[in-house]
Amino acid sequence: MMPSTRPSTSSPGRDLQAALLLAAPALILLILLAVLRQIHPAVAAAGGLFIFLALLLLIRRHLADLMAAEALVRSYDDGQTKPPLIRPGGWASDLAAALMRLRTNWSRELRLQYAVAGSHETVLDCLPDPLLLLDDKRRVVRANLTARKLFGRDLKGRDLAQFLRDPELLDAVDTVLAEGPGQEISFESPGTVHRIFLARIEPLPVKALDDAKALLTFHDISALKRIEQMRADFVANASHELRTPLATLSGFIETLQGPARNDAEAHEKFLAIMHEQTTRMSRLVQDLLSLSRVELNELTPPTDGVNLADLLSSVADGLQLAAKTKDETLLLKIAPDLPHVTGDGDELMQVFQNLIDNAIKYGRKGGAVTIEARLIDKGPMTMGAEARQDCVAVTVEDEGEGIDKEHLPRLTERFYRVDTARSRAMGGTGLGLAIVKHIVNRHRGALQIDSIAGTGSRFTVYLPNFKKA
């Protein structure tokens, strides 16, 4: 479709200038001939005037078309939606039609390129692994959605060292950017949840239009490393903790088969001890399996909402008998406006069963165990900026002997006991608080322990408020 049907007009000043410029050689020749008396001056003047007027008429038509064509090109360059009008039927009209076809083809090709670029962006954002494109100055040119979720939204233009501070990784990236070969390196990311990544840095064969020179991808190998570590820990812990009860069982069995074969009193005594040891081994294996299961899922946070008020009431009701046995009182204080929390109901029940059961075991006989749940404005820094806002805090407090300060940092370690003999006598495996810590980490929460020797202990669990998507 042609851009117009209305004739265009040129500037009179331009017409005169162009006609005079084209007629100048002929006018100069006529003047020379008149000076040399080869022709009469009147004839020279008439001839010059004729040539000038003829050129003016000819130029006026074509100059208008040229100016219209110039205006049309300028309008395309400026991105105007309404190009200037051009007189139909002339060569400028043909030029305008050709430009219109060219512009249409360019627009179609541009839309195609935008569609291809958009599909590439979609593919990159759908990749499960973080991906970064870097320029020759180690700045981020492009980041896919997974990378933006992991390292932050505003990555474009930032130096890699601003959000990844692993020296070996940065050295490997610098090596690749300095025309070196591709590199592969593993590194650990900081944060509440321990994560291990395998980073691959590959140079791009050709520098991209956006100045990208290298491709950096991350593959999360935390689960694989955890499985390897869990297998080693399970063998080491199980062999260490099961050695004593197995040796005890073996000794009693040999005694019952030998010297005490016909001793009824020894039978009853030894069988009671053997039952106690097998029960302890059963608890130990159950806790080890539970801990392994929690560690395996620690990197995958729960997404469901849990009614914490109902859950705490259920746990407290289930432990009332244990509290009465020690003549202790369970005091449940739940804020009326307590919101749901983001979590796994079964795992949270395990957390508070462990904490309340410990408070009963190590609390003062005749004392009280207080369970308080409340909404707070902001949790500990370890929870992360989003999770710590308007979170829920649950405190389990006893009136026992308390714990010395030097023991507090190690309470959540596997098999760590302040008083080993007392813990085993009470049926403890040394894994309860380790399980609590890993469950709380999986829930992107925090565990805080406060205790003063002689005045009791406070265990506070912070959990993120459940926000519906």
Protein backbone atom coordinates (compact mmCIF):
# COMPACT_ATOMS: atom_id res chain seq x y z
CA MET A 1 0.00 0.00 0.00
CA MET A 2 1.41 3.39 -0.98
CA PRO A 3 1.74 5.98 1.73
CA SER A 4 -0.23 8.78 0.02
CA THR A 5 -2.19 10.20 -2.91
CA ARG A 6 -1.70 13.94 -2.26
CA PRO A 7 1.03 15.70 -4.26
CA SER A 8 3.99 17.03 -2.37
CA THR A 9 5.39 20.54 -2.86
CA SER A 10 8.99 21.59 -2.72
CA SER A 11 10.50 24.75 -1.29
CA PRO A 12 10.75 27.66 -3.85
CA GLY A 13 14.18 28.57 -2.53
CA ARG A 14 15.49 25.07 -3.14
CA ASP A 15 13.97 25.02 -6.66
CA LEU A 16 15.74 28.28 -7.63
CA GLN A 17 19.05 27.19 -6.14
CA ALA A 18 18.95 23.83 -7.92
CA ALA A 19 17.95 25.41 -11.29
CA LEU A 20 20.64 28.07 -11.00
CA LEU A 21 23.25 25.46 -10.08
CA LEU A 22 22.38 23.26 -13.08
CA ALA A 23 22.11 26.21 -15.49
CA ALA A 24 25.39 27.79 -14.33
CA PRO A 25 27.68 26.10 -16.94
CA ALA A 26 25.39 27.08 -19.85
CA LEU A 27 25.03 30.67 -18.56
CA ILE A 28 28.78 31.03 -18.17
CA LEU A 29 29.28 29.78 -21.73
CA LEU A 30 26.71 32.27 -23.12
CA ILE A 31 28.33 35.14 -21.22
CA LEU A 32 31.75 34.22 -22.64
CA LEU A 33 30.36 34.05 -26.17
CA ALA A 34 28.72 37.47 -25.73
CA VAL A 35 31.95 38.96 -24.36
CA LEU A 36 33.90 37.55 -27.31
CA ARG A 37 31.20 38.98 -29.62
CA GLN A 38 30.43 35.56 -31.03
CA ILE A 39 26.73 36.13 -30.41
CA HIS A 40 24.65 39.18 -29.70
CA PRO A 41 24.25 39.95 -25.94
CA ALA A 42 20.47 40.04 -26.31
CA VAL A 43 20.49 36.56 -27.82
CA ALA A 44 22.77 35.33 -25.01
CA ALA A 45 20.44 36.81 -22.40
CA ALA A 46 17.37 35.28 -24.02
CA GLY A 47 19.08 31.89 -24.32
CA GLY A 48 20.22 31.97 -20.69
CA LEU A 49 16.75 32.90 -19.50
CA PHE A 50 15.24 30.08 -21.57
CA ILE A 51 17.68 27.50 -20.22
CA PHE A 52 17.10 28.65 -16.62
CA LEU A 53 13.31 28.57 -16.93
CA ALA A 54 13.36 25.15 -18.62
CA LEU A 55 15.56 23.71 -15.89
CA LEU A 56 13.43 25.34 -13.20
CA LEU A 57 10.28 23.69 -14.55
CA LEU A 58 12.00 20.33 -14.88
CA ILE A 59 13.62 20.49 -11.44
CA ARG A 60 10.48 21.74 -9.74
CA ARG A 61 8.71 18.49 -10.59
CA HIS A 62 11.52 16.10 -9.69
CA LEU A 63 12.85 18.06 -6.69
CA ALA A 64 9.43 17.85 -5.09
CA ASP A 65 9.57 14.07 -5.51
CA LEU A 66 13.10 13.95 -4.08
CA MET A 67 12.10 15.98 -1.04
CA ALA A 68 9.03 13.78 -0.53
CA ALA A 69 11.22 10.66 -0.75
CA GLU A 70 13.65 12.23 1.75
CA ALA A 71 10.78 13.00 4.14
CA LEU A 72 9.47 9.45 3.76
CA VAL A 73 12.83 7.93 4.65
CA ARG A 74 13.16 10.28 7.63
CA SER A 75 9.70 9.32 8.85
CA TYR A 76 10.65 5.62 8.75
CA ASP A 77 13.89 6.37 10.56
CA ASP A 78 12.02 8.34 13.27
CA GLY A 79 9.45 5.56 13.67
CA GLN A 80 6.47 7.70 12.64
CA THR A 81 3.23 5.79 12.11
CA LYS A 82 1.89 8.29 9.49
CA PRO A 83 4.44 8.86 6.68
CA PRO A 84 4.22 12.03 4.50
CA LEU A 85 2.06 12.07 1.37
CA ILE A 86 3.65 11.52 -2.06
CA ARG A 87 2.30 12.39 -5.52
CA PRO A 88 1.20 9.19 -7.25
CA GLY A 89 2.47 8.08 -10.64
CA GLY A 90 6.05 9.34 -10.35
CA TRP A 91 9.33 7.62 -9.69
CA ALA A 92 9.13 8.79 -6.07
CA SER A 93 5.86 6.88 -5.78
CA ASP A 94 7.65 3.73 -6.95
CA LEU A 95 10.45 4.39 -4.46
CA ALA A 96 7.90 4.85 -1.67
CA ALA A 97 6.23 1.54 -2.57
CA ALA A 98 9.63 -0.22 -2.55
CA LEU A 99 10.49 1.33 0.81
CA MET A 100 7.11 0.27 2.19
CA ARG A 101 7.74 -3.34 1.09
CA LEU A 102 11.22 -3.23 2.57
CA ARG A 103 9.86 -1.84 5.83
CA THR A 104 7.17 -4.54 5.96
CA ASN A 105 9.78 -7.25 5.42
CA TRP A 106 12.03 -5.76 8.06
CA SER A 107 9.15 -5.53 10.53
CA ARG A 108 8.23 -9.16 9.88
CA GLU A 109 11.84 -10.26 10.32
CA LEU A 110 12.15 -8.16 13.49
CA ARG A 111 9.01 -9.74 14.96
CA LEU A 112 10.42 -13.16 14.09
CA GLN A 113 13.71 -12.35 15.82
CA TYR A 114 11.85 -11.07 18.88
CA ALA A 115 9.82 -14.29 18.96
CA VAL A 116 12.99 -16.39 18.69
CA ALA A 117 14.67 -14.35 21.44
CA GLY A 118 11.56 -14.72 23.60
CA SER A 119 11.50 -18.47 23.10
CA HIS A 120 15.19 -18.63 24.03
CA GLU A 121 14.47 -16.66 27.21
CA THR A 122 11.61 -19.04 28.02
CA VAL A 123 13.84 -22.07 27.51
CA LEU A 124 16.55 -20.57 29.74
CA ASP A 125 14.01 -19.74 32.47
CA CYS A 126 12.63 -23.28 32.36
CA LEU A 127 16.03 -24.84 33.02
CA PRO A 128 16.16 -26.33 36.55
CA ASP A 129 19.81 -25.33 37.06
CA PRO A 130 20.98 -21.74 37.57
CA LEU A 131 22.65 -20.25 34.48
CA LEU A 132 24.62 -17.02 34.05
CA LEU A 133 26.09 -15.38 30.94
CA LEU A 134 29.17 -13.25 31.68
CA ASP A 135 31.02 -10.59 29.70
CA ASP A 136 34.80 -10.24 29.54
CA LYS A 137 34.79 -8.12 32.71
CA ARG A 138 33.05 -10.87 34.75
CA ARG A 139 29.77 -8.97 34.81
CA VAL A 140 26.42 -10.71 34.47
CA VAL A 141 24.86 -10.17 31.05
CA ARG A 142 21.92 -12.51 31.49
CA ALA A 143 20.55 -14.77 34.25
CA ASN A 144 17.78 -17.34 34.03
CA LEU A 145 14.88 -17.54 36.48
CA THR A 146 16.51 -20.19 38.69
CA ALA A 147 19.64 -18.08 39.05
CA ARG A 148 17.58 -14.99 39.93
CA LYS A 149 15.74 -16.95 42.63
CA LEU A 150 19.02 -18.25 44.06
CA PHE A 151 21.23 -15.15 43.88
CA GLY A 152 18.75 -12.27 43.74
CA ARG A 153 16.60 -10.48 41.18
CA ASP A 154 18.92 -7.62 40.19
CA LEU A 155 21.85 -9.53 38.72
CA LYS A 156 22.31 -7.85 35.32
CA GLY A 157 25.43 -5.71 35.22
CA ARG A 158 26.73 -6.92 38.59
CA ASP A 159 30.19 -8.36 39.05
CA LEU A 160 30.13 -12.06 39.91
CA ALA A 161 32.18 -11.38 43.05
CA GLN A 162 29.36 -9.27 44.51
CA PHE A 163 27.17 -12.31 45.21
CA LEU A 164 29.58 -15.27 44.85
CA ARG A 165 32.63 -14.93 47.06
CA ASP A 166 34.28 -18.32 46.56
CA PRO A 167 37.92 -17.56 45.56
CA GLU A 168 38.45 -20.80 43.62
CA LEU A 169 35.29 -20.25 41.58
CA LEU A 170 36.23 -16.64 40.77
CA ASP A 171 39.74 -17.74 39.74
CA ALA A 172 38.27 -20.40 37.46
CA VAL A 173 35.97 -17.81 35.83
CA ASP A 174 38.91 -15.43 35.31
CA THR A 175 40.90 -18.24 33.69
CA VAL A 176 38.12 -18.93 31.18
CA LEU A 177 37.61 -15.22 30.42
CA ALA A 178 41.35 -14.91 29.75
CA GLU A 179 40.95 -17.32 26.80
CA GLY A 180 41.62 -20.37 28.96
CA PRO A 181 39.89 -23.77 28.67
CA GLY A 182 36.59 -24.62 30.32
CA GLN A 183 36.65 -25.23 34.06
CA GLU A 184 34.65 -27.36 36.52
CA ILE A 185 34.71 -26.73 40.24
CA SER A 186 32.58 -27.51 43.30
CA PHE A 187 31.85 -24.94 45.99
CA GLU A 188 29.65 -24.48 49.03
CA SER A 189 27.06 -21.73 49.25
CA PRO A 190 26.62 -19.83 52.52
CA GLY A 191 23.27 -19.73 54.30
CA THR A 192 21.10 -21.57 56.80
CA VAL A 193 20.80 -24.60 54.55
CA HIS A 194 24.15 -26.04 53.53
CA ARG A 195 24.27 -26.49 49.74
CA ILE A 196 27.01 -27.78 47.44
CA PHE A 197 27.14 -26.86 43.76
CA LEU A 198 29.16 -28.14 40.84
CA ALA A 199 29.94 -25.09 38.70
CA ARG A 200 30.87 -25.38 35.02
CA ILE A 201 32.42 -22.43 33.19
CA GLU A 202 32.62 -22.69 29.40
CA PRO A 203 33.82 -20.02 26.91
CA LEU A 204 31.41 -19.12 24.12
CA PRO A 205 32.85 -19.91 20.66
CA VAL A 206 31.74 -16.50 19.35
CA LYS A 207 31.18 -13.34 21.38
CA ALA A 208 27.42 -12.71 21.52
CA LEU A 209 25.69 -9.47 20.55
CA ASP A 210 25.10 -8.67 24.23
CA ASP A 211 28.87 -9.05 24.87
CA ALA A 212 28.45 -12.44 26.58
CA LYS A 213 31.75 -14.30 26.52
CA ALA A 214 31.32 -17.20 28.95
CA LEU A 215 28.57 -19.47 30.22
CA LEU A 216 28.41 -20.35 33.93
CA THR A 217 26.05 -23.09 35.09
CA PHE A 218 25.43 -24.56 38.54
CA HIS A 219 24.32 -28.08 39.35
CA ASP A 220 23.13 -28.74 42.90
CA ILE A 221 24.90 -31.88 44.15
CA SER A 222 23.93 -31.38 47.79
CA ALA A 223 21.60 -34.39 47.79
CA LEU A 224 24.31 -36.67 46.40
CA LYS A 225 26.85 -35.43 48.93
CA ARG A 226 24.31 -35.80 51.72
CA ILE A 227 23.55 -39.37 50.74
CA GLU A 228 27.27 -40.19 50.76
CA GLN A 229 27.76 -38.47 54.12
CA MET A 230 24.63 -40.04 55.59
CA ARG A 231 25.80 -43.49 54.58
CA ALA A 232 29.19 -42.91 56.21
CA ASP A 233 27.64 -41.31 59.31
CA PHE A 234 25.06 -44.05 59.68
CA VAL A 235 27.72 -46.76 59.61
CA ALA A 236 29.98 -44.85 62.01
CA ASN A 237 27.22 -43.84 64.43
CA ALA A 238 25.40 -47.14 64.37
CA SER A 239 28.58 -49.13 64.93
CA HIS A 240 29.58 -46.85 67.79
CA GLU A 241 26.22 -46.60 69.56
CA LEU A 242 25.17 -50.22 69.00
CA ARG A 243 28.45 -51.73 70.13
CA THR A 244 27.69 -51.50 73.85
CA PRO A 245 24.12 -52.92 73.84
CA LEU A 246 25.14 -55.68 71.41
CA ALA A 247 28.08 -56.61 73.65
CA THR A 248 25.72 -56.63 76.65
CA LEU A 249 23.22 -58.86 74.86
CA SER A 250 25.94 -61.21 73.69
CA GLY A 251 27.33 -61.53 77.23
CA PHE A 252 23.92 -62.22 78.78
CA ILE A 253 23.06 -64.78 76.12
CA GLU A 254 26.33 -66.64 76.76
CA THR A 255 25.63 -66.51 80.50
CA LEU A 256 22.10 -67.85 80.06
CA GLN A 257 23.38 -70.58 77.81
CA GLY A 258 26.16 -71.48 80.23
CA PRO A 259 26.48 -70.89 83.99
CA ALA A 260 22.93 -69.49 84.47
CA ARG A 261 21.22 -72.11 82.32
CA ASN A 262 19.11 -73.41 85.24
CA ASP A 263 19.03 -70.20 87.35
CA ALA A 264 15.43 -68.90 87.19
CA GLU A 265 16.25 -65.74 89.15
CA ALA A 266 19.13 -64.90 86.77
CA HIS A 267 16.86 -65.60 83.82
CA GLU A 268 14.34 -63.00 84.97
CA LYS A 269 16.98 -60.41 85.77
CA PHE A 270 18.99 -60.86 82.59
CA LEU A 271 15.93 -60.95 80.34
CA ALA A 272 14.75 -57.65 81.79
CA ILE A 273 18.13 -56.07 81.04
CA MET A 274 18.14 -57.60 77.54
CA HIS A 275 14.67 -56.19 76.88
CA GLU A 276 15.88 -52.77 77.98
CA GLN A 277 18.90 -52.96 75.67
CA THR A 278 16.89 -54.12 72.64
CA THR A 279 14.38 -51.33 73.26
CA ARG A 280 17.22 -48.85 73.33
CA MET A 281 18.64 -50.22 70.07
CA SER A 282 15.20 -50.02 68.49
CA ARG A 283 14.87 -46.35 69.50
CA LEU A 284 18.36 -45.65 68.23
CA VAL A 285 17.76 -47.21 64.83
CA GLN A 286 14.40 -45.44 64.55
CA ASP A 287 15.98 -42.07 65.37
CA LEU A 288 18.86 -42.67 62.94
CA LEU A 289 16.42 -43.49 60.14
CA SER A 290 14.29 -40.49 61.03
CA LEU A 291 17.34 -38.20 61.01
CA SER A 292 18.50 -39.57 57.65
CA ARG A 293 15.04 -39.05 56.17
CA VAL A 294 14.89 -35.44 57.41
CA GLU A 295 18.38 -34.64 56.13
CA LEU A 296 17.54 -36.08 52.73
CA ASN A 297 14.53 -33.74 52.37
CA GLU A 298 16.15 -30.72 54.00
CA LEU A 299 16.70 -28.88 50.72
CA THR A 300 13.01 -29.11 49.76
CA PRO A 301 10.96 -26.74 51.94
CA PRO A 302 7.33 -27.66 52.72
CA THR A 303 4.54 -25.62 51.16
CA ASP A 304 1.43 -26.62 53.13
CA GLY A 305 -0.27 -24.64 55.86
CA VAL A 306 -0.38 -26.14 59.38
CA ASN A 307 -2.73 -25.18 62.19
CA LEU A 308 -0.11 -24.86 64.92
CA ALA A 309 -2.63 -24.27 67.71
CA ASP A 310 -4.34 -27.63 67.10
CA LEU A 311 -1.00 -29.40 66.67
CA LEU A 312 0.42 -28.09 69.98
CA SER A 313 -2.79 -28.99 71.80
CA SER A 314 -2.62 -32.52 70.42
CA VAL A 315 1.05 -32.95 71.41
CA ALA A 316 0.41 -31.59 74.92
CA ASP A 317 -2.58 -33.93 75.40
CA GLY A 318 -0.44 -36.90 74.35
CA LEU A 319 2.29 -36.05 76.90
CA GLN A 320 0.00 -35.30 79.86
CA LEU A 321 0.52 -38.80 81.27
CA ALA A 322 4.31 -38.48 81.15
CA ALA A 323 4.05 -35.11 82.92
CA LYS A 324 1.79 -36.53 85.66
CA THR A 325 4.27 -39.35 86.26
CA LYS A 326 6.81 -36.69 87.29
CA ASP A 327 4.16 -34.60 89.01
CA GLU A 328 4.72 -31.81 86.49
CA THR A 329 2.16 -29.46 84.95
CA LEU A 330 1.91 -28.62 81.26
CA LEU A 331 0.89 -24.99 80.70
CA LEU A 332 -0.25 -24.26 77.15
CA LYS A 333 -0.40 -20.58 76.14
CA ILE A 334 -1.54 -20.01 72.56
CA ALA A 335 -2.25 -16.52 71.24
CA PRO A 336 -5.84 -16.19 69.96
CA ASP A 337 -4.73 -14.65 66.65
CA LEU A 338 -2.09 -17.29 65.94
CA PRO A 339 -1.92 -17.82 62.15
CA HIS A 340 -1.12 -21.03 60.34
CA VAL A 341 2.54 -21.73 59.60
CA THR A 342 4.18 -23.12 56.50
CA GLY A 343 5.21 -26.66 57.26
CA ASP A 344 4.82 -30.41 57.33
CA GLY A 345 2.41 -31.42 60.10
CA ASP A 346 4.06 -34.76 60.91
CA GLU A 347 7.54 -33.26 61.12
CA LEU A 348 6.41 -30.33 63.27
CA MET A 349 4.66 -32.75 65.60
CA GLN A 350 7.97 -34.62 65.92
CA VAL A 351 9.76 -31.36 66.74
CA PHE A 352 7.44 -30.37 69.56
CA GLN A 353 7.12 -33.91 70.91
CA ASN A 354 10.91 -34.02 71.25
CA LEU A 355 11.14 -30.59 72.89
CA ILE A 356 8.23 -31.06 75.31
CA ASP A 357 9.30 -34.62 76.17
CA ASN A 358 12.84 -33.36 76.91
CA ALA A 359 11.40 -30.56 79.06
CA ILE A 360 9.41 -33.12 81.06
CA LYS A 361 12.40 -35.47 81.46
CA TYR A 362 14.86 -32.79 82.54
CA GLY A 363 12.39 -30.53 84.34
CA ARG A 364 12.03 -30.22 88.09
CA LYS A 365 9.72 -32.71 89.75
CA GLY A 366 6.60 -30.90 90.79
CA GLY A 367 7.43 -27.98 88.49
CA ALA A 368 5.82 -26.75 85.29
CA VAL A 369 6.57 -26.99 81.59
CA THR A 370 5.29 -23.94 79.68
CA ILE A 371 4.50 -24.06 75.96
CA GLU A 372 3.85 -20.59 74.52
CA ALA A 373 2.98 -19.82 70.89
CA ARG A 374 2.76 -16.23 69.65
CA LEU A 375 3.07 -14.08 66.53
CA ILE A 376 6.12 -11.79 66.44
CA ASP A 377 7.08 -8.96 64.07
CA LYS A 378 10.49 -10.26 63.11
CA GLY A 379 12.43 -13.48 63.67
CA PRO A 380 16.20 -14.13 63.79
CA MET A 381 18.44 -13.03 60.91
CA THR A 382 19.18 -16.67 59.99
CA MET A 383 15.61 -17.12 58.70
CA GLY A 384 16.05 -14.85 55.70
CA ALA A 385 14.43 -11.52 54.94
CA GLU A 386 11.05 -12.80 53.75
CA ALA A 387 10.55 -15.72 56.14
CA ARG A 388 11.39 -13.74 59.29
CA GLN A 389 8.64 -11.14 58.77
CA ASP A 390 5.51 -11.76 60.89
CA CYS A 391 6.69 -15.23 61.92
CA VAL A 392 5.44 -17.50 64.70
CA ALA A 393 7.55 -18.27 67.78
CA VAL A 394 6.93 -21.34 69.95
CA THR A 395 8.78 -21.50 73.26
CA VAL A 396 9.10 -24.63 75.43
CA GLU A 397 10.39 -23.73 78.89
CA ASP A 398 11.15 -26.02 81.84
CA GLU A 399 12.17 -25.42 85.45
CA GLY A 400 14.99 -27.93 85.54
CA GLU A 401 18.65 -27.67 86.39
CA GLY A 402 19.53 -25.79 83.23
CA ILE A 403 22.56 -26.21 81.00
CA ASP A 404 25.96 -24.57 81.28
CA LYS A 405 26.82 -22.10 78.52
CA GLU A 406 29.72 -24.09 77.12
CA HIS A 407 27.35 -26.91 76.17
CA LEU A 408 24.73 -24.79 74.33
CA PRO A 409 26.48 -24.51 70.91
CA ARG A 410 26.86 -28.31 70.69
CA LEU A 411 23.44 -29.45 71.88
CA THR A 412 22.16 -30.12 68.35
CA GLU A 413 25.14 -32.29 67.37
CA ARG A 414 24.55 -36.00 66.82
CA PHE A 415 24.94 -38.04 70.02
CA TYR A 416 26.09 -35.03 72.03
CA ARG A 417 24.96 -35.34 75.64
CA VAL A 418 25.59 -33.03 78.57
CA ASP A 419 25.27 -35.98 80.96
CA THR A 420 25.70 -39.23 79.02
CA ALA A 421 24.77 -41.59 81.85
CA ARG A 422 21.66 -39.63 82.79
CA SER A 423 20.55 -39.29 79.18
CA ARG A 424 20.85 -43.03 78.53
CA ALA A 425 19.11 -43.84 81.79
CA MET A 426 16.17 -41.73 80.61
CA GLY A 427 16.06 -43.53 77.29
CA GLY A 428 17.66 -40.77 75.24
CA THR A 429 19.56 -41.55 72.04
CA GLY A 430 21.36 -38.23 71.67
CA LEU A 431 19.64 -37.58 68.32
CA GLY A 432 16.48 -35.74 69.37
CA LEU A 433 17.80 -32.19 69.09
CA ALA A 434 19.71 -33.02 65.90
CA ILE A 435 16.41 -34.11 64.36
CA VAL A 436 14.76 -30.92 65.63
CA LYS A 437 17.50 -28.75 64.09
CA HIS A 438 17.28 -30.35 60.64
CA ILE A 439 13.47 -30.22 60.58
CA VAL A 440 13.54 -26.54 61.54
CA ASN A 441 16.14 -25.89 58.82
CA ARG A 442 13.93 -27.61 56.25
CA HIS A 443 11.06 -25.33 57.30
CA ARG A 444 13.33 -22.28 56.78
CA GLY A 445 12.91 -21.48 60.45
CA ALA A 446 15.30 -21.06 63.36
CA LEU A 447 16.02 -22.74 66.71
CA GLN A 448 17.20 -20.68 69.66
CA ILE A 449 18.35 -22.21 72.97
CA ASP A 450 18.65 -20.18 76.17
CA SER A 451 19.59 -21.68 79.50
CA ILE A 452 21.11 -20.70 82.81
CA ALA A 453 22.38 -23.38 85.13
CA GLY A 454 19.99 -23.80 88.03
CA THR A 455 17.04 -21.90 86.53
CA GLY A 456 15.85 -24.04 83.62
CA SER A 457 16.02 -23.96 79.82
CA ARG A 458 14.09 -22.27 77.00
CA PHE A 459 13.90 -23.75 73.51
CA THR A 460 12.30 -21.40 70.94
CA VAL A 461 11.32 -22.48 67.44
CA TYR A 462 10.64 -19.75 64.84
CA LEU A 463 8.50 -20.73 61.85
CA PRO A 464 7.45 -18.66 58.81
CA ASN A 465 3.86 -17.49 58.60
CA PHE A 466 1.80 -19.33 55.96
CA LYS A 467 1.02 -17.04 53.05
CA LYS A 468 -1.33 -18.38 50.41
CA ALA A 469 -0.04 -18.07 46.85
